[in-house]
Amino acid sequence: MQKTVRSFAAALLAASALTTAVAATTGQAAAQTVLRLDEVAVGELDPGKATDYADSILMFNVYDTLVLPKQGEVGYAPHLAESWETEGNDFIFKLRQDVKFQSGNPLTAEDVVFSFDRMKELGQGLSFVFTKVEGAEAVDEHTVRFRLSEPYSPFIASLVRLPIVDKKLVMENLGEGEGEMKDWGQAFLSSHSAGSGAYKVVSHNPQEETVMEKNPDYFLGVPDKAPDQVRLRYSLEATTVRTLISQGEHDISSQWLPPEVLKSLAADGAQFLTETGGGAFYIKMNTAKPPLDDVNCRRALSAAYDYATGIRMVAITDEIAQGSPSTGAIPVGMYGANPASEVMQRDMEAAKKYLAECKHDPSEFTLEISWIGEVPIEERFALLMQANFAELGIKSEIRKVPWALFTEQVTKPENTPNISQIFVNAVTGDPDTLMYPMYHSSAAGTWQSPEYLKDEKVDALLEKGRTVMSDEEREATYSELNDRLMEIAPTIYAYDRQSVFAASNRVKVPALSDPSKSFGMDGMGFTFRLMEMTGE
């Protein structure tokens, strides 16, 4: 890692020197501005497979979608679509006619249909948000119809996760595979872009770094003050990030820095950026193997967990923390959430009673508590849980697991740790995309759903939440879901999450510092065209 970081720094310094030399010889008024930030690997460039934070940053900058969340308010605004209307369960979109992909190919309805068909065929990424969509068709060159099987309240929100790809370019670069579409361009799109976004991919190494540059032909234009080049680095260690920011060689940290590192960076003059995206820190319990296949054992652990200490562990200053007290399965502010006053609290008497009703003898098992190696704060929560559970007479072992290995382990229940720690977010800003991929039985075995929960009532409520249309019905449905999840306790609901990033003063990010400019959705605050490089 240190060797990699040194090579990053050396390469960056060399690039800066080269830029300065070119500017001097050509008479340019200013050198190219470079934004440097980091995230956890792996950076998935294929937009049909994007799921986590690094993927989202890439997708929102390299690709465009039909709609975008409104800034500073609820709802969605036209983007590639200039308008839409409904006919029964169908949605009809009129596309802008001034959009070109980075290849120079014009955007057409066929590109939208192809993008939808590709995502459904791959069945990866966030394709599950389109399960109610039977198909898409091009009505004419600039009109697209989506046919839904039934009323589906989160559909417009879902479209922020349908990045539109350049059909012609992908078809020219199909890899090996069966059928007319072969591999649907997976090999090509894993290392190349085919979007219309404000930034082009210059180079991409999903384990190390993605380099992007402004798209001069972007249909909305890219402001001069936006970064000319962006270098998104992966899996830098906290100490490395601190050193690089302090030395002026890095601009925005990931959200995973320990609180004391954030405090020290602030003391050195760094600014804090924040993002609330409708997510939480979830401590997942594997319900598919003993001892957590017993609901009373799970309830015992949930009651024994020290929620108040957990919140203190993520405090950065008296004003800023990386989380707020949880009130249940659904974060405060979303449909179905309990009031902010009803915070989760530790109850050891209840924990002992639940454990007495568990069919497993605590003296006969040892829990495996895992933490993601790229997220250092999770080790502290593992130690907190180990101490909390020991008070019940429950033994545990703590294991550090790299993210890539964790995502592989959870594909089989027998390989999944008893306890996992995961940050999960509403990827479209709607509670459906927070709850469904975690708790619907069809989602079991993904990184979001290592509980392997199978509960008919939970499934039914999740499906109902997708069909009821009024705000009142959605509130009632998700409230009932919240109650059911609290009852069967597949998860310890540790805290509602607020992402905090340390940043140099070389960059201004209104979407991460001004509530009136916030998108309210994880990752979209990192829309590079809306940032400003100050030159400080």
Protein backbone atom coordinates (compact mmCIF):
# COMPACT_ATOMS: atom_id res chain seq x y z
CA MET A 1 0.00 0.00 0.00
CA GLN A 2 2.74 2.48 0.93
CA LYS A 3 4.55 1.75 -2.30
CA THR A 4 1.32 2.36 -4.21
CA VAL A 5 0.72 5.63 -2.39
CA ARG A 6 4.26 6.81 -3.09
CA SER A 7 3.77 5.99 -6.75
CA PHE A 8 0.50 7.95 -6.73
CA ALA A 9 2.23 10.95 -5.16
CA ALA A 10 5.16 10.74 -7.54
CA ALA A 11 2.91 10.43 -10.56
CA LEU A 12 0.78 13.33 -9.40
CA LEU A 13 3.78 15.56 -8.79
CA ALA A 14 5.15 14.64 -12.19
CA ALA A 15 1.80 15.42 -13.81
CA SER A 16 1.66 18.77 -12.03
CA ALA A 17 5.19 19.64 -13.17
CA LEU A 18 4.35 18.68 -16.74
CA THR A 19 1.17 20.77 -16.70
CA THR A 20 3.06 23.78 -15.39
CA ALA A 21 5.73 23.41 -18.07
CA VAL A 22 3.14 23.18 -20.83
CA ALA A 23 1.30 26.22 -19.50
CA ALA A 24 4.54 28.21 -19.47
CA THR A 25 5.50 27.30 -23.00
CA THR A 26 2.06 27.85 -24.54
CA GLY A 27 1.22 31.04 -22.69
CA GLN A 28 -1.81 29.61 -20.92
CA ALA A 29 -3.12 31.81 -18.10
CA ALA A 30 -3.59 28.96 -15.63
CA ALA A 31 -2.52 25.36 -15.17
CA GLN A 32 -4.98 22.51 -15.34
CA THR A 33 -6.88 22.10 -12.08
CA VAL A 34 -6.86 18.62 -10.57
CA LEU A 35 -9.30 17.28 -7.96
CA ARG A 36 -8.01 14.30 -5.96
CA LEU A 37 -10.27 12.16 -3.78
CA ASP A 38 -10.48 8.58 -2.57
CA GLU A 39 -12.98 5.80 -1.95
CA VAL A 40 -13.06 2.11 -1.10
CA ALA A 41 -12.28 -0.27 -3.97
CA VAL A 42 -13.53 -1.76 -6.21
CA GLY A 43 -14.54 1.05 -8.57
CA GLU A 44 -17.07 -0.60 -10.92
CA LEU A 45 -17.16 1.38 -14.17
CA ASP A 46 -19.89 -0.65 -15.89
CA PRO A 47 -23.05 1.37 -15.07
CA GLY A 48 -25.22 -1.72 -15.32
CA LYS A 49 -23.37 -3.22 -12.36
CA ALA A 50 -22.93 -0.15 -10.15
CA THR A 51 -24.10 -0.58 -6.56
CA ASP A 52 -21.84 1.00 -3.94
CA TYR A 53 -20.43 4.47 -3.26
CA ALA A 54 -17.40 4.46 -5.55
CA ASP A 55 -19.54 3.03 -8.37
CA SER A 56 -22.09 5.79 -7.83
CA ILE A 57 -19.50 8.55 -8.05
CA LEU A 58 -18.32 7.15 -11.38
CA MET A 59 -21.83 6.64 -12.71
CA PHE A 60 -23.15 10.10 -11.81
CA ASN A 61 -20.24 11.82 -13.55
CA VAL A 62 -19.62 9.66 -16.60
CA TYR A 63 -23.26 8.89 -17.42
CA ASP A 64 -26.57 10.74 -17.36
CA THR A 65 -30.08 9.65 -16.39
CA LEU A 66 -33.57 10.67 -17.48
CA VAL A 67 -34.25 12.48 -14.19
CA LEU A 68 -32.25 13.84 -11.26
CA PRO A 69 -33.22 14.48 -7.62
CA LYS A 70 -34.13 18.11 -7.03
CA GLN A 71 -31.56 20.01 -5.03
CA GLY A 72 -32.70 21.11 -1.59
CA GLU A 73 -36.21 19.68 -1.90
CA VAL A 74 -38.10 16.46 -2.44
CA GLY A 75 -38.99 15.16 -5.87
CA TYR A 76 -37.27 14.74 -9.22
CA ALA A 77 -36.47 17.09 -12.11
CA PRO A 78 -36.06 16.37 -15.85
CA HIS A 79 -32.52 15.76 -17.08
CA LEU A 80 -32.08 13.75 -20.29
CA ALA A 81 -35.87 13.70 -20.42
CA GLU A 82 -37.44 17.12 -20.91
CA SER A 83 -40.88 15.94 -19.73
CA TRP A 84 -42.98 12.88 -18.97
CA GLU A 85 -46.60 11.79 -18.58
CA THR A 86 -48.51 8.67 -17.57
CA GLU A 87 -51.09 6.52 -19.36
CA GLY A 88 -52.48 3.98 -16.92
CA ASN A 89 -49.43 2.12 -15.66
CA ASP A 90 -47.25 3.38 -18.53
CA PHE A 91 -44.77 6.27 -18.39
CA ILE A 92 -43.94 8.19 -21.58
CA PHE A 93 -40.80 10.35 -21.72
CA LYS A 94 -39.86 13.05 -24.23
CA LEU A 95 -36.08 13.27 -24.63
CA ARG A 96 -33.94 16.34 -25.11
CA GLN A 97 -32.68 16.67 -28.68
CA ASP A 98 -29.39 18.46 -27.90
CA VAL A 99 -27.56 15.62 -26.16
CA LYS A 100 -24.57 13.81 -27.61
CA PHE A 101 -22.59 10.96 -26.13
CA GLN A 102 -18.87 11.42 -25.59
CA SER A 103 -18.34 9.46 -28.82
CA GLY A 104 -20.26 12.12 -30.75
CA ASN A 105 -23.26 9.87 -31.33
CA PRO A 106 -26.61 11.61 -30.68
CA LEU A 107 -28.86 10.43 -27.85
CA THR A 108 -32.00 8.67 -29.11
CA ALA A 109 -34.85 6.66 -27.67
CA GLU A 110 -33.09 3.49 -28.84
CA ASP A 111 -30.24 4.23 -26.43
CA VAL A 112 -32.69 4.42 -23.52
CA VAL A 113 -34.36 1.15 -24.52
CA PHE A 114 -30.99 -0.54 -24.96
CA SER A 115 -29.81 0.68 -21.54
CA PHE A 116 -32.93 -0.69 -19.88
CA ASP A 117 -32.78 -4.03 -21.73
CA ARG A 118 -29.10 -4.39 -20.90
CA MET A 119 -29.61 -3.79 -17.18
CA LYS A 120 -32.51 -6.26 -17.05
CA GLU A 121 -30.60 -8.90 -19.01
CA LEU A 122 -27.48 -8.61 -16.85
CA GLY A 123 -29.58 -8.79 -13.70
CA GLN A 124 -26.82 -7.17 -11.68
CA GLY A 125 -26.27 -3.84 -9.99
CA LEU A 126 -29.55 -2.22 -9.04
CA SER A 127 -31.64 -3.99 -11.66
CA PHE A 128 -34.03 -5.12 -8.92
CA VAL A 129 -35.56 -1.62 -8.80
CA PHE A 130 -37.07 -2.29 -12.24
CA THR A 131 -38.84 -5.57 -11.47
CA LYS A 132 -42.25 -3.98 -12.09
CA VAL A 133 -41.24 -2.74 -15.54
CA GLU A 134 -42.30 -5.17 -18.25
CA GLY A 135 -40.40 -3.43 -21.01
CA ALA A 136 -39.41 -0.26 -22.80
CA GLU A 137 -40.01 0.78 -26.39
CA ALA A 138 -38.99 3.62 -28.66
CA VAL A 139 -42.20 5.35 -29.78
CA ASP A 140 -40.16 7.59 -32.08
CA GLU A 141 -36.60 8.90 -32.17
CA HIS A 142 -37.08 11.05 -29.08
CA THR A 143 -39.96 9.37 -27.21
CA VAL A 144 -39.70 6.36 -24.89
CA ARG A 145 -42.50 4.36 -23.30
CA PHE A 146 -41.99 2.21 -20.17
CA ARG A 147 -44.65 -0.44 -19.64
CA LEU A 148 -45.26 -1.31 -15.98
CA SER A 149 -47.04 -4.46 -14.84
CA GLU A 150 -48.87 -2.63 -12.05
CA PRO A 151 -48.81 0.68 -10.19
CA TYR A 152 -45.26 1.23 -8.91
CA SER A 153 -44.77 4.25 -6.69
CA PRO A 154 -40.92 4.36 -6.71
CA PHE A 155 -40.59 4.25 -10.53
CA ILE A 156 -39.55 7.86 -11.19
CA ALA A 157 -37.09 7.66 -8.28
CA SER A 158 -35.71 4.44 -9.76
CA LEU A 159 -34.70 6.20 -12.96
CA VAL A 160 -31.79 7.91 -11.22
CA ARG A 161 -30.27 4.42 -11.32
CA LEU A 162 -30.78 3.84 -15.04
CA PRO A 163 -27.67 5.39 -16.63
CA ILE A 164 -28.08 5.75 -20.38
CA VAL A 165 -25.35 4.13 -22.47
CA ASP A 166 -24.33 4.72 -26.08
CA LYS A 167 -25.90 1.76 -27.92
CA LYS A 168 -23.95 2.26 -31.15
CA LEU A 169 -20.59 2.38 -29.36
CA VAL A 170 -21.36 -0.68 -27.23
CA MET A 171 -22.57 -2.67 -30.25
CA GLU A 172 -19.27 -1.91 -31.95
CA ASN A 173 -17.43 -3.37 -28.97
CA LEU A 174 -19.29 -6.55 -28.03
CA GLY A 175 -17.11 -9.22 -26.45
CA GLU A 176 -17.38 -12.98 -26.48
CA GLY A 177 -20.72 -14.46 -25.49
CA GLU A 178 -23.78 -16.29 -26.72
CA GLY A 179 -26.60 -14.88 -28.79
CA GLU A 180 -26.95 -11.68 -30.79
CA MET A 181 -25.82 -9.43 -27.92
CA LYS A 182 -22.89 -11.66 -26.92
CA ASP A 183 -21.58 -10.20 -23.63
CA TRP A 184 -23.69 -6.99 -23.87
CA GLY A 185 -20.42 -5.07 -23.89
CA GLN A 186 -19.42 -6.08 -20.38
CA ALA A 187 -15.73 -6.49 -21.17
CA PHE A 188 -15.63 -3.13 -22.95
CA LEU A 189 -17.59 -1.20 -20.32
CA SER A 190 -15.50 -2.58 -17.47
CA SER A 191 -12.61 -0.41 -18.67
CA HIS A 192 -14.16 2.14 -21.07
CA SER A 193 -17.05 4.57 -20.81
CA ALA A 194 -20.00 4.98 -23.16
CA GLY A 195 -21.83 7.84 -21.53
CA SER A 196 -22.89 11.41 -22.18
CA GLY A 197 -21.71 12.68 -18.80
CA ALA A 198 -19.77 15.82 -17.89
CA TYR A 199 -16.54 13.82 -17.39
CA LYS A 200 -14.73 11.37 -19.64
CA VAL A 201 -12.68 8.40 -18.42
CA VAL A 202 -9.01 8.74 -19.32
CA SER A 203 -7.82 5.61 -17.51
CA HIS A 204 -9.35 3.11 -15.11
CA ASN A 205 -7.82 0.64 -12.67
CA PRO A 206 -10.63 -0.57 -10.37
CA GLN A 207 -8.19 -1.36 -7.55
CA GLU A 208 -6.04 1.76 -7.74
CA GLU A 209 -7.31 4.84 -9.55
CA THR A 210 -9.73 6.21 -12.14
CA VAL A 211 -8.71 9.37 -14.00
CA MET A 212 -11.41 11.56 -15.59
CA GLU A 213 -11.37 14.83 -17.53
CA LYS A 214 -13.99 17.40 -18.51
CA ASN A 215 -16.23 16.63 -21.46
CA PRO A 216 -16.08 19.88 -23.49
CA ASP A 217 -19.23 18.93 -25.42
CA TYR A 218 -21.47 18.28 -22.39
CA PHE A 219 -24.99 19.39 -23.22
CA LEU A 220 -25.33 21.54 -20.07
CA GLY A 221 -21.81 22.83 -20.23
CA VAL A 222 -19.16 22.41 -17.55
CA PRO A 223 -18.24 25.59 -15.63
CA ASP A 224 -14.67 26.85 -15.93
CA LYS A 225 -14.20 26.59 -12.16
CA ALA A 226 -15.09 22.88 -12.13
CA PRO A 227 -12.00 20.61 -11.95
CA ASP A 228 -10.34 19.99 -15.30
CA GLN A 229 -9.19 16.55 -14.18
CA VAL A 230 -10.37 14.23 -11.40
CA ARG A 231 -8.30 11.43 -9.88
CA LEU A 232 -10.44 9.00 -7.86
CA ARG A 233 -8.10 6.80 -5.83
CA TYR A 234 -9.10 3.56 -4.14
CA SER A 235 -8.38 2.10 -0.69
CA LEU A 236 -5.88 4.61 0.65
CA GLU A 237 -5.11 4.09 4.32
CA ALA A 238 -6.33 6.70 6.80
CA THR A 239 -2.81 7.78 7.75
CA THR A 240 -1.92 8.20 4.10
CA VAL A 241 -4.99 10.35 3.42
CA ARG A 242 -4.19 12.53 6.42
CA THR A 243 -0.63 13.06 5.23
CA LEU A 244 -1.62 13.78 1.62
CA ILE A 245 -4.30 16.33 2.58
CA SER A 246 -1.94 18.03 5.05
CA GLN A 247 0.70 18.27 2.32
CA GLY A 248 -1.74 19.66 -0.25
CA GLU A 249 -1.62 16.50 -2.38
CA HIS A 250 -5.21 15.33 -1.80
CA ASP A 251 -8.52 17.21 -1.74
CA ILE A 252 -11.42 15.13 -0.40
CA SER A 253 -11.22 12.09 1.87
CA SER A 254 -13.59 9.17 1.81
CA GLN A 255 -16.31 8.98 4.46
CA TRP A 256 -14.52 6.11 6.21
CA LEU A 257 -11.85 8.01 8.15
CA PRO A 258 -11.83 7.44 11.94
CA PRO A 259 -13.16 10.41 13.96
CA GLU A 260 -9.76 11.29 15.44
CA VAL A 261 -8.23 11.54 11.95
CA LEU A 262 -11.04 13.87 10.89
CA LYS A 263 -10.47 15.94 14.05
CA SER A 264 -6.75 16.23 13.36
CA LEU A 265 -7.37 17.29 9.76
CA ALA A 266 -9.79 19.95 10.94
CA ALA A 267 -7.15 21.18 13.37
CA ASP A 268 -4.78 21.48 10.40
CA GLY A 269 -7.28 23.69 8.58
CA ALA A 270 -9.30 21.17 6.57
CA GLN A 271 -13.01 21.78 6.06
CA PHE A 272 -15.83 19.29 6.72
CA LEU A 273 -18.28 18.25 4.02
CA THR A 274 -21.41 16.29 4.96
CA GLU A 275 -24.00 14.19 3.17
CA THR A 276 -27.22 12.68 4.50
CA GLY A 277 -28.55 10.18 2.04
CA GLY A 278 -31.20 8.14 3.82
CA GLY A 279 -28.97 5.39 5.13
CA ALA A 280 -27.75 3.82 8.33
CA PHE A 281 -25.09 1.67 9.95
CA TYR A 282 -26.50 -1.85 10.18
CA ILE A 283 -25.04 -4.72 12.19
CA LYS A 284 -26.23 -7.77 10.27
CA MET A 285 -26.93 -11.15 11.88
CA ASN A 286 -26.81 -14.34 9.81
CA THR A 287 -30.22 -15.92 10.41
CA ALA A 288 -29.39 -18.99 8.32
CA LYS A 289 -27.03 -20.72 10.73
CA PRO A 290 -26.83 -21.25 14.51
CA PRO A 291 -26.99 -19.58 16.90
CA LEU A 292 -28.58 -16.58 15.19
CA ASP A 293 -31.20 -18.69 13.47
CA ASP A 294 -33.06 -18.31 16.78
CA VAL A 295 -35.00 -15.04 17.07
CA ASN A 296 -34.51 -14.84 20.83
CA CYS A 297 -30.75 -15.04 20.48
CA ARG A 298 -30.92 -12.17 17.98
CA ARG A 299 -33.16 -10.17 20.30
CA ALA A 300 -30.70 -10.74 23.13
CA LEU A 301 -27.82 -9.31 21.12
CA SER A 302 -29.94 -6.35 19.98
CA ALA A 303 -30.88 -5.52 23.55
CA ALA A 304 -27.30 -5.97 24.84
CA TYR A 305 -25.73 -3.64 22.28
CA ASP A 306 -24.63 -0.28 23.75
CA TYR A 307 -26.23 2.22 21.34
CA ALA A 308 -25.23 5.34 23.29
CA THR A 309 -21.55 4.43 23.32
CA GLY A 310 -21.72 3.70 19.61
CA ILE A 311 -22.92 7.23 18.91
CA ARG A 312 -20.14 8.73 21.02
CA MET A 313 -17.64 6.70 19.00
CA VAL A 314 -18.60 8.52 15.78
CA ALA A 315 -18.70 12.04 17.22
CA ILE A 316 -16.13 14.34 15.61
CA THR A 317 -16.92 17.63 17.28
CA ASP A 318 -19.77 18.88 19.45
CA GLU A 319 -21.56 19.91 16.27
CA ILE A 320 -20.65 17.21 13.74
CA ALA A 321 -20.88 13.43 13.98
CA GLN A 322 -20.93 10.55 11.56
CA GLY A 323 -24.29 9.40 12.86
CA SER A 324 -27.41 10.16 14.90
CA PRO A 325 -29.36 7.85 17.25
CA SER A 326 -31.36 5.14 15.52
CA THR A 327 -35.05 4.72 16.22
CA GLY A 328 -35.45 1.45 14.32
CA ALA A 329 -34.94 -0.25 11.00
CA ILE A 330 -35.89 2.80 8.91
CA PRO A 331 -33.87 6.02 9.28
CA VAL A 332 -35.56 9.09 10.70
CA GLY A 333 -37.12 11.23 8.00
CA MET A 334 -38.21 8.39 5.72
CA TYR A 335 -41.61 6.74 5.33
CA GLY A 336 -42.31 4.45 8.29
CA ALA A 337 -39.59 5.71 10.63
CA ASN A 338 -40.24 6.08 14.33
CA PRO A 339 -39.94 9.62 15.75
CA ALA A 340 -36.47 10.96 16.52
CA SER A 341 -37.36 10.94 20.23
CA GLU A 342 -37.79 7.15 20.33
CA VAL A 343 -34.11 6.24 20.24
CA MET A 344 -32.77 2.71 20.59
CA GLN A 345 -31.39 2.00 24.06
CA ARG A 346 -29.48 -0.79 25.75
CA ASP A 347 -31.53 -3.06 28.06
CA MET A 348 -29.48 -5.79 29.71
CA GLU A 349 -32.41 -7.18 31.71
CA ALA A 350 -34.35 -7.75 28.50
CA ALA A 351 -31.22 -9.21 26.87
CA LYS A 352 -30.88 -11.80 29.64
CA LYS A 353 -34.53 -12.78 29.37
CA TYR A 354 -34.31 -13.25 25.62
CA LEU A 355 -31.13 -15.29 25.92
CA ALA A 356 -32.81 -17.58 28.46
CA GLU A 357 -35.44 -18.37 25.82
CA CYS A 358 -32.89 -19.09 23.09
CA LYS A 359 -32.62 -22.76 22.12
CA HIS A 360 -28.83 -22.50 21.89
CA ASP A 361 -26.57 -22.62 24.95
CA PRO A 362 -24.22 -19.58 24.83
CA SER A 363 -21.43 -21.63 26.40
CA GLU A 364 -21.41 -23.89 23.34
CA PHE A 365 -20.84 -21.37 20.58
CA THR A 366 -18.44 -18.58 19.57
CA LEU A 367 -19.72 -15.78 17.36
CA GLU A 368 -17.66 -14.60 14.42
CA ILE A 369 -17.78 -10.79 14.30
CA SER A 370 -16.38 -9.42 11.06
CA TRP A 371 -15.34 -5.91 10.08
CA ILE A 372 -14.44 -4.51 6.68
CA GLY A 373 -10.70 -3.94 6.48
CA GLU A 374 -11.03 -0.73 4.45
CA VAL A 375 -13.36 0.82 7.08
CA PRO A 376 -11.26 1.16 10.27
CA ILE A 377 -14.10 2.46 12.47
CA GLU A 378 -15.77 -0.94 12.19
CA GLU A 379 -13.00 -2.56 14.23
CA ARG A 380 -14.02 -0.42 17.18
CA PHE A 381 -17.63 -1.47 16.84
CA ALA A 382 -16.50 -5.08 16.71
CA LEU A 383 -14.66 -4.56 20.00
CA LEU A 384 -17.70 -2.83 21.49
CA MET A 385 -19.92 -5.75 20.53
CA GLN A 386 -17.42 -8.27 21.86
CA ALA A 387 -17.48 -6.52 25.24
CA ASN A 388 -21.27 -6.12 25.24
CA PHE A 389 -21.92 -9.76 24.36
CA ALA A 390 -19.37 -11.00 26.89
CA GLU A 391 -21.60 -9.53 29.60
CA LEU A 392 -24.19 -12.11 28.52
CA GLY A 393 -21.62 -14.91 28.65
CA ILE A 394 -21.33 -15.05 24.84
CA LYS A 395 -17.86 -15.61 23.40
CA SER A 396 -16.81 -14.05 20.11
CA GLU A 397 -13.91 -13.80 17.69
CA ILE A 398 -13.17 -10.67 15.66
CA ARG A 399 -12.02 -11.02 12.06
CA LYS A 400 -10.84 -8.37 9.63
CA VAL A 401 -12.18 -9.06 6.14
CA PRO A 402 -11.26 -7.13 2.96
CA TRP A 403 -14.30 -5.81 1.11
CA ALA A 404 -13.70 -7.94 -1.97
CA LEU A 405 -13.49 -11.10 0.15
CA PHE A 406 -16.57 -10.15 2.16
CA THR A 407 -18.72 -9.75 -0.95
CA GLU A 408 -17.57 -13.20 -2.05
CA GLN A 409 -18.16 -14.84 1.36
CA VAL A 410 -21.75 -13.67 1.70
CA THR A 411 -22.84 -15.45 -1.46
CA LYS A 412 -23.20 -18.62 0.64
CA PRO A 413 -24.85 -18.66 4.07
CA GLU A 414 -22.39 -21.17 5.49
CA ASN A 415 -19.48 -18.84 4.64
CA THR A 416 -21.18 -15.69 5.88
CA PRO A 417 -19.99 -14.46 9.31
CA ASN A 418 -22.43 -14.58 12.21
CA ILE A 419 -22.20 -10.80 12.40
CA SER A 420 -21.32 -8.33 9.65
CA GLN A 421 -21.15 -4.54 9.66
CA ILE A 422 -22.53 -2.63 6.69
CA PHE A 423 -23.41 0.94 5.76
CA VAL A 424 -26.50 0.83 3.53
CA ASN A 425 -28.29 3.69 1.79
CA ALA A 426 -31.49 4.41 -0.10
CA VAL A 427 -29.83 4.39 -3.49
CA THR A 428 -32.68 6.26 -5.22
CA GLY A 429 -33.68 8.35 -2.22
CA ASP A 430 -36.78 6.18 -1.73
CA PRO A 431 -37.18 3.72 1.19
CA ASP A 432 -37.90 0.92 -1.26
CA THR A 433 -34.27 0.88 -2.36
CA LEU A 434 -33.08 0.83 1.23
CA MET A 435 -35.33 -1.91 2.59
CA TYR A 436 -35.98 -4.19 -0.38
CA PRO A 437 -32.34 -5.13 -1.18
CA MET A 438 -31.69 -5.80 2.50
CA TYR A 439 -34.72 -7.75 3.62
CA HIS A 440 -36.63 -9.27 0.71
CA SER A 441 -35.90 -12.99 0.58
CA SER A 442 -34.89 -12.72 -3.09
CA ALA A 443 -31.96 -10.46 -2.11
CA ALA A 444 -30.31 -12.97 0.24
CA GLY A 445 -26.62 -13.54 -0.38
CA THR A 446 -25.70 -10.03 -1.48
CA TRP A 447 -23.46 -7.62 0.44
CA GLN A 448 -26.58 -5.75 1.54
CA SER A 449 -28.37 -8.87 2.69
CA PRO A 450 -26.02 -11.19 4.61
CA GLU A 451 -28.87 -11.95 7.05
CA TYR A 452 -30.41 -14.48 4.65
CA LEU A 453 -33.77 -13.42 6.05
CA LYS A 454 -36.84 -15.35 4.91
CA ASP A 455 -40.01 -13.87 6.36
CA GLU A 456 -43.32 -13.95 4.47
CA LYS A 457 -44.71 -10.88 6.22
CA VAL A 458 -41.61 -8.83 5.47
CA ASP A 459 -41.73 -9.88 1.81
CA ALA A 460 -45.42 -8.98 1.58
CA LEU A 461 -44.92 -5.54 3.12
CA LEU A 462 -41.95 -4.77 0.89
CA GLU A 463 -44.01 -5.68 -2.16
CA LYS A 464 -46.96 -3.62 -0.91
CA GLY A 465 -44.69 -0.61 -0.41
CA ARG A 466 -43.99 -0.70 -4.15
CA THR A 467 -47.65 -0.62 -5.19
CA VAL A 468 -49.50 1.75 -2.86
CA MET A 469 -49.44 5.24 -4.32
CA SER A 470 -50.51 7.73 -1.67
CA ASP A 471 -48.18 9.18 0.94
CA GLU A 472 -50.50 8.00 3.71
CA GLU A 473 -50.54 4.40 2.45
CA ARG A 474 -46.79 4.32 2.04
CA GLU A 475 -46.28 5.70 5.54
CA ALA A 476 -48.56 3.04 7.03
CA THR A 477 -46.96 0.22 5.04
CA TYR A 478 -43.39 1.09 5.94
CA SER A 479 -44.34 1.71 9.56
CA GLU A 480 -45.71 -1.82 9.73
CA LEU A 481 -42.53 -3.11 8.07
CA ASN A 482 -40.45 -1.25 10.62
CA ASP A 483 -42.40 -2.87 13.46
CA ARG A 484 -42.03 -6.34 11.95
CA LEU A 485 -38.27 -5.99 11.51
CA MET A 486 -37.91 -4.79 15.08
CA GLU A 487 -39.90 -7.83 16.20
CA ILE A 488 -37.84 -10.48 14.39
CA ALA A 489 -34.50 -8.64 14.86
CA PRO A 490 -32.36 -9.75 11.89
CA THR A 491 -30.20 -6.67 12.44
CA ILE A 492 -28.89 -4.40 15.17
CA TYR A 493 -29.88 -0.89 14.09
CA ALA A 494 -26.79 0.94 15.32
CA TYR A 495 -27.30 4.51 14.08
CA ASP A 496 -28.62 6.64 11.24
CA ARG A 497 -25.71 7.67 9.10
CA GLN A 498 -24.33 11.03 8.11
CA SER A 499 -21.29 10.92 5.86
CA VAL A 500 -18.50 13.30 6.85
CA PHE A 501 -15.61 14.08 4.53
CA ALA A 502 -12.46 16.08 5.23
CA ALA A 503 -11.50 18.39 2.39
CA SER A 504 -8.78 20.84 1.49
CA ASN A 505 -9.66 24.47 0.96
CA ARG A 506 -8.79 24.13 -2.72
CA VAL A 507 -12.33 22.92 -3.44
CA LYS A 508 -15.85 24.20 -2.82
CA VAL A 509 -18.72 21.68 -2.86
CA PRO A 510 -22.10 23.40 -2.39
CA ALA A 511 -23.99 20.10 -2.66
CA LEU A 512 -22.07 18.84 0.41
CA SER A 513 -22.04 22.05 2.43
CA ASP A 514 -25.26 23.94 1.68
CA PRO A 515 -28.55 22.16 2.60
CA SER A 516 -30.37 24.15 -0.09
CA LYS A 517 -28.09 22.53 -2.70
CA SER A 518 -28.15 18.98 -1.30
CA PHE A 519 -29.45 16.15 -3.51
CA GLY A 520 -30.46 14.03 -0.50
CA MET A 521 -28.99 10.94 -2.13
CA ASP A 522 -25.67 9.26 -1.48
CA GLY A 523 -22.93 9.92 -3.98
CA MET A 524 -24.70 12.58 -6.02
CA GLY A 525 -23.11 15.33 -3.96
CA PHE A 526 -19.91 14.33 -5.78
CA THR A 527 -21.17 15.71 -9.07
CA PHE A 528 -17.89 17.20 -10.21
CA ARG A 529 -19.37 19.76 -12.61
CA LEU A 530 -20.99 21.47 -9.61
CA MET A 531 -17.72 21.79 -7.69
CA GLU A 532 -15.31 24.70 -7.80
CA MET A 533 -11.52 24.62 -7.59
CA THR A 534 -10.40 27.74 -5.72
CA GLY A 535 -6.69 27.58 -6.45
CA GLU A 536 -5.79 28.10 -2.78
